[in-house]
Protein backbone atom coordinates (compact mmCIF):
# COMPACT_ATOMS: atom_id res chain seq x y z
CA MET A 1 334.40 108.39 264.81
CA SER A 2 336.88 108.14 267.68
CA CYS A 3 336.26 110.37 270.68
CA SER A 4 338.97 112.93 271.50
CA PRO A 5 340.83 112.29 274.77
CA GLY A 6 338.82 113.48 277.76
CA LEU A 7 335.58 113.92 275.83
CA THR A 8 332.58 112.03 277.14
CA PRO A 9 329.00 111.96 275.87
CA SER A 10 326.62 114.20 277.80
CA SER A 11 322.89 113.90 278.41
CA PRO A 12 321.03 116.96 276.98
CA ASP A 13 318.80 116.08 274.05
CA ASN A 14 320.05 117.44 270.75
CA PRO A 15 317.37 118.16 268.13
CA TRP A 16 320.01 117.66 265.41
CA GLY A 17 320.32 114.04 266.54
CA ALA A 18 324.09 114.48 266.88
CA PRO A 19 326.34 113.79 269.89
CA VAL A 20 326.66 116.23 272.79
CA TYR A 21 330.04 116.00 274.53
CA ARG A 22 331.09 117.50 277.84
CA ARG A 23 334.58 118.19 279.17
CA GLY A 24 335.89 119.62 282.39
CA ILE A 25 338.66 122.05 281.43
CA VAL A 26 339.56 122.91 277.82
CA SER A 27 341.52 125.60 276.01
CA SER A 28 338.23 126.53 274.34
CA THR A 29 335.17 124.64 273.14
CA MET A 30 335.83 126.14 269.71
CA ASP A 31 339.19 124.32 269.59
CA GLU A 32 337.52 121.07 270.68
CA ALA A 33 334.82 121.42 268.02
CA ARG A 34 337.44 121.91 265.31
CA LEU A 35 339.20 118.74 266.44
CA LEU A 36 335.92 116.82 266.37
CA ALA A 37 335.22 118.17 262.87
CA SER A 38 338.59 116.86 261.68
CA GLU A 39 337.54 113.43 262.97
CA GLY A 40 334.29 113.52 260.98
CA ALA A 41 331.81 114.70 263.61
CA PRO A 42 328.36 115.18 262.04
CA HIS A 43 326.29 118.33 261.52
CA GLY A 44 324.93 119.51 264.87
CA THR A 45 327.63 118.03 267.12
CA VAL A 46 327.99 119.94 270.40
CA VAL A 47 330.89 120.15 272.83
CA SER A 48 330.54 121.90 276.20
CA ALA A 49 332.97 122.48 279.06
CA ASP A 50 333.01 123.46 282.71
CA PHE A 51 335.83 125.94 282.12
CA GLN A 52 337.76 127.45 279.21
CA GLU A 53 341.37 128.45 279.77
CA ARG A 54 341.48 130.55 276.62
CA GLY A 55 337.86 131.33 275.82
CA ARG A 56 337.81 134.29 273.49
CA GLY A 57 335.56 137.10 272.36
CA ARG A 58 334.89 138.51 268.91
CA SER A 59 338.26 140.26 268.81
CA GLY A 60 341.28 137.98 269.01
CA GLY A 61 342.73 139.96 271.91
CA ARG A 62 339.67 139.62 274.13
CA VAL A 63 339.20 136.84 276.66
CA TRP A 64 335.91 135.54 278.03
CA GLN A 65 336.39 135.84 281.81
CA ALA A 66 334.23 133.57 283.95
CA GLU A 67 334.31 131.34 287.00
CA GLY A 68 334.80 127.65 286.40
CA GLY A 69 331.83 125.33 286.87
CA LYS A 70 329.30 128.15 287.24
CA ASN A 71 328.52 128.98 283.63
CA LEU A 72 327.68 127.48 280.27
CA PHE A 73 330.28 127.27 277.52
CA PHE A 74 329.68 125.32 274.33
CA THR A 75 330.27 125.22 270.59
CA ILE A 76 328.02 123.67 267.99
CA LEU A 77 329.49 122.38 264.73
CA LEU A 78 327.36 122.91 261.62
CA ARG A 79 328.29 121.53 258.20
CA TYR A 80 327.29 123.18 254.92
CA PRO A 81 328.36 121.94 251.45
CA ALA A 82 331.51 123.74 250.41
CA SER A 83 330.31 123.60 246.81
CA SER A 84 327.38 125.87 247.73
CA GLY A 85 329.63 128.57 249.17
CA MET A 86 327.99 131.00 251.58
CA ALA A 87 324.58 130.42 249.99
CA ALA A 88 323.97 127.38 252.21
CA VAL A 89 324.81 129.21 255.46
CA PRO A 90 321.77 130.81 257.12
CA GLU A 91 321.72 134.56 256.66
CA ALA A 92 322.80 136.72 259.65
CA LEU A 93 323.85 133.55 261.45
CA THR A 94 325.38 135.23 264.52
CA LEU A 95 322.38 137.50 265.10
CA ARG A 96 319.94 134.63 264.68
CA ALA A 97 321.95 132.55 267.14
CA GLY A 98 321.69 135.52 269.48
CA LEU A 99 317.92 135.55 269.06
CA ALA A 100 317.83 131.86 269.97
CA VAL A 101 319.92 132.46 273.09
CA ALA A 102 317.75 135.42 274.15
CA LEU A 103 314.58 133.37 273.78
CA ALA A 104 316.12 130.41 275.63
CA VAL A 105 317.16 132.63 278.55
CA GLU A 106 313.56 133.86 278.75
CA ASP A 107 312.38 130.24 278.71
CA PHE A 108 314.89 129.38 281.45
CA ASP A 109 314.02 132.30 283.75
CA PRO A 110 310.82 134.15 282.71
CA ALA A 111 311.07 136.42 285.77
CA LEU A 112 313.98 138.29 284.16
CA GLY A 113 311.68 139.88 281.58
CA ARG A 114 312.65 140.74 278.04
CA VAL A 115 316.19 139.77 277.01
CA LEU A 116 317.91 142.12 274.56
CA ILE A 117 320.35 141.63 271.69
CA LYS A 118 323.30 144.01 271.36
CA TRP A 119 324.53 144.03 267.77
CA PRO A 120 326.37 142.03 266.64
CA ASN A 121 326.87 139.27 269.24
CA ASP A 122 326.03 140.10 272.86
CA ILE A 123 322.99 139.22 274.97
CA MET A 124 321.88 141.79 277.55
CA LEU A 125 319.71 141.76 280.65
CA SER A 126 318.19 145.08 281.68
CA GLY A 127 316.16 146.64 284.47
CA ALA A 128 316.71 147.85 288.02
CA HIS A 129 316.94 144.25 289.27
CA VAL A 130 319.89 143.73 286.89
CA SER A 131 321.96 146.77 287.80
CA GLY A 132 321.20 146.57 291.51
CA THR A 133 321.42 150.36 291.70
CA GLY A 134 317.84 151.35 290.91
CA ASP A 135 318.60 152.35 287.33
CA SER A 136 317.54 150.45 284.21
CA GLY A 137 321.01 149.92 282.83
CA ALA A 138 321.76 146.77 280.86
CA ARG A 139 324.46 144.21 281.56
CA LYS A 140 325.97 141.58 279.29
CA THR A 141 325.13 138.01 280.24
CA ALA A 142 326.08 136.06 277.10
CA GLY A 143 328.20 136.30 273.98
CA ILE A 144 328.35 134.52 270.64
CA LEU A 145 331.39 133.92 268.43
CA THR A 146 330.97 132.48 264.92
CA GLU A 147 333.90 131.09 262.92
CA GLY A 148 334.19 129.13 259.70
CA GLY A 149 336.58 126.71 258.06
CA GLY A 150 336.17 124.40 255.07
CA ASP A 151 332.59 123.16 255.01
CA CYS A 152 332.08 123.89 258.72
CA VAL A 153 330.68 126.76 260.73
CA TYR A 154 331.27 126.88 264.48
CA ILE A 155 328.99 128.81 266.82
CA GLY A 156 330.59 129.34 270.22
CA ILE A 157 328.28 130.50 273.01
CA GLY A 158 329.10 131.53 276.56
CA VAL A 159 326.42 132.33 279.15
CA ASN A 160 327.06 133.65 282.65
CA LEU A 161 324.70 131.45 284.66
CA ALA A 162 325.56 131.27 288.37
CA GLN A 163 328.62 133.53 288.59
CA THR A 164 328.33 136.16 291.35
CA GLU A 165 331.71 137.93 291.17
CA PHE A 166 333.36 139.67 288.23
CA PRO A 167 336.77 141.33 287.82
CA PRO A 168 336.78 145.07 288.62
CA GLU A 169 336.96 146.02 284.94
CA LEU A 170 333.74 144.11 284.22
CA ARG A 171 331.64 145.29 287.16
CA GLY A 172 328.83 147.44 285.84
CA LYS A 173 329.19 145.80 282.42
CA ALA A 174 328.50 142.09 283.01
CA THR A 175 326.05 140.05 285.03
CA SER A 176 324.77 136.50 285.32
CA ILE A 177 321.30 135.03 285.27
CA HIS A 178 321.41 134.25 288.98
CA LEU A 179 322.90 137.63 289.90
CA ALA A 180 320.19 139.44 287.94
CA HIS A 181 317.53 137.25 289.53
CA ARG A 182 318.73 137.90 293.08
CA ALA A 183 316.47 140.94 293.63
CA LEU A 184 313.36 139.11 292.43
CA ALA A 185 310.84 137.27 294.59
CA PRO A 186 310.49 133.93 292.73
CA PRO A 187 313.14 131.30 293.49
CA PRO A 188 316.01 131.23 290.99
CA PRO A 189 316.08 128.62 288.23
CA SER A 190 318.35 125.59 288.23
CA ALA A 191 322.08 126.28 288.32
CA ASP A 192 322.68 123.23 286.10
CA PRO A 193 324.23 124.40 282.80
CA GLY A 194 322.79 121.30 281.11
CA ALA A 195 319.23 122.55 281.60
CA LEU A 196 320.03 125.84 279.88
CA LEU A 197 321.98 124.06 277.14
CA GLY A 198 318.95 121.95 276.23
CA LEU A 199 316.77 125.06 275.89
CA ILE A 200 319.32 126.87 273.74
CA LEU A 201 319.76 123.89 271.42
CA SER A 202 315.99 123.65 270.97
CA ARG A 203 315.72 127.35 270.12
CA LEU A 204 318.78 127.22 267.84
CA TYR A 205 317.34 124.33 265.88
CA ARG A 206 314.05 126.15 265.34
CA GLU A 207 315.79 129.35 264.26
CA LEU A 208 318.36 127.77 261.93
CA GLU A 209 316.72 124.56 260.70
CA GLY A 210 313.03 124.81 261.47
CA GLY A 211 312.03 127.50 258.99
CA ALA A 212 311.62 130.26 261.59
CA GLU A 213 310.28 133.36 259.87
CA ASN A 214 310.52 137.10 260.38
CA TRP A 215 313.90 136.82 262.10
CA ARG A 216 314.81 140.40 261.16
CA ALA A 217 311.64 141.88 262.70
CA ARG A 218 311.96 139.73 265.81
CA ILE A 219 315.59 140.77 266.32
CA SER A 220 314.81 144.45 265.67
CA ASP A 221 312.06 144.26 268.26
CA ARG A 222 314.58 143.44 270.99
CA LEU A 223 317.59 145.31 269.60
CA TYR A 224 319.52 147.02 272.38
CA LEU A 225 319.53 150.85 272.07
CA ARG A 226 317.22 150.91 269.04
CA GLY A 227 315.91 154.45 268.54
CA ARG A 228 318.49 155.93 270.91
CA PRO A 229 321.68 157.99 270.40
CA VAL A 230 324.78 155.81 270.10
CA ARG A 231 328.50 156.02 269.51
CA PHE A 232 329.62 153.46 266.96
CA LEU A 233 333.11 152.27 266.03
CA ALA A 234 333.01 151.17 262.40
CA GLY A 235 335.37 148.50 261.06
CA ALA A 236 337.43 145.87 262.88
CA ALA A 237 336.65 145.42 266.58
CA GLY A 238 338.44 148.00 268.68
CA GLN A 239 339.96 149.75 265.66
CA GLY A 240 337.09 151.66 264.05
CA GLU A 241 336.57 155.35 263.52
CA PRO A 242 333.93 156.75 265.92
CA LEU A 243 330.56 157.86 264.57
CA THR A 244 327.62 159.25 266.53
CA GLY A 245 323.99 159.01 265.52
CA THR A 246 320.71 157.22 266.18
CA LEU A 247 320.46 153.44 266.04
CA SER A 248 317.68 152.79 263.53
CA GLY A 249 317.55 148.98 263.33
CA ILE A 250 319.02 146.20 261.19
CA GLY A 251 318.97 145.73 257.43
CA GLU A 252 317.96 142.82 255.21
CA SER A 253 321.20 140.91 255.82
CA GLY A 254 321.56 141.76 259.50
CA GLU A 255 323.69 144.88 259.01
CA LEU A 256 323.33 147.64 261.61
CA LEU A 257 321.49 150.78 260.48
CA ILE A 258 322.53 154.09 262.01
CA ILE A 259 321.35 157.60 261.13
CA PRO A 260 324.50 159.73 261.59
CA GLU A 261 324.22 163.10 263.28
CA GLY A 262 323.22 165.77 260.75
CA GLU A 263 321.84 163.22 258.28
CA GLU A 264 318.32 161.98 257.61
CA ARG A 265 318.79 158.52 256.13
CA PRO A 266 320.31 155.46 257.83
CA ARG A 267 323.67 154.08 256.74
CA PRO A 268 324.38 150.33 256.81
CA PHE A 269 327.35 148.95 258.74
CA PHE A 270 328.45 145.34 258.32
CA SER A 271 331.31 145.44 260.84
CA GLY A 272 332.07 147.43 263.95
CA GLU A 273 330.73 147.70 267.47
CA LEU A 274 328.60 149.87 269.70
CA ASP A 275 330.84 151.73 272.14
CA VAL A 276 328.92 151.03 275.35
CA TYR A 277 331.55 149.29 277.48
CA ALA A 278 333.94 152.23 277.88
């Protein structure tokens, strides 16, 4: 396989035994991974970058805003036989990738405490040391975007690592590992994105390939806002009808379970978002 212009092999160990590439500035690591897939890159290939010019969120109109060189951006390419359809793709793939990221962040900086998963694709840090205001509010520190095409699935992951400034519209909503750690006594972990990348790849491999069990219970156990009143926008991101109720947990396939106001039984939702960033 020829290497795309500007792509160079990187050093983190990859439990898939596939190449790990690193670039400086890219449009997005998702775009780079798709190009590598077209050139025959194997299952488990990873491409990371110092900065994404057009990194995107779950909705096509959203942009991942971050400082260059201070964070971790990467996409992993996974191949599943097209003849098997969706049956070969691990169930609740995005949520399980989120579980892997949450566990890896805890491995990377245990002082931060328990890392939470906001359905369907955000990773949250919580506690007074995170908000910096004495409350226990949570802040987003990572996001996951999963896309498919042909026999490939692409998992794009962005983690705010050493960023200390955010645009005004994101203050109070986002944080970084180092910013959250700032109020704690122990010294902060390494600011090298490669160290965090290695931990995430190890956790991802165990969750997706290593026969990790009880993923639903383990995700539910750290599900952001579980058991609390929520406002939920069902349907396509940013376009759903609002519903209020109590977040009950997740279902067998990773769907969100909410008990609407005035009802007694949970309803399943396969698309939509929790309205917590207003």
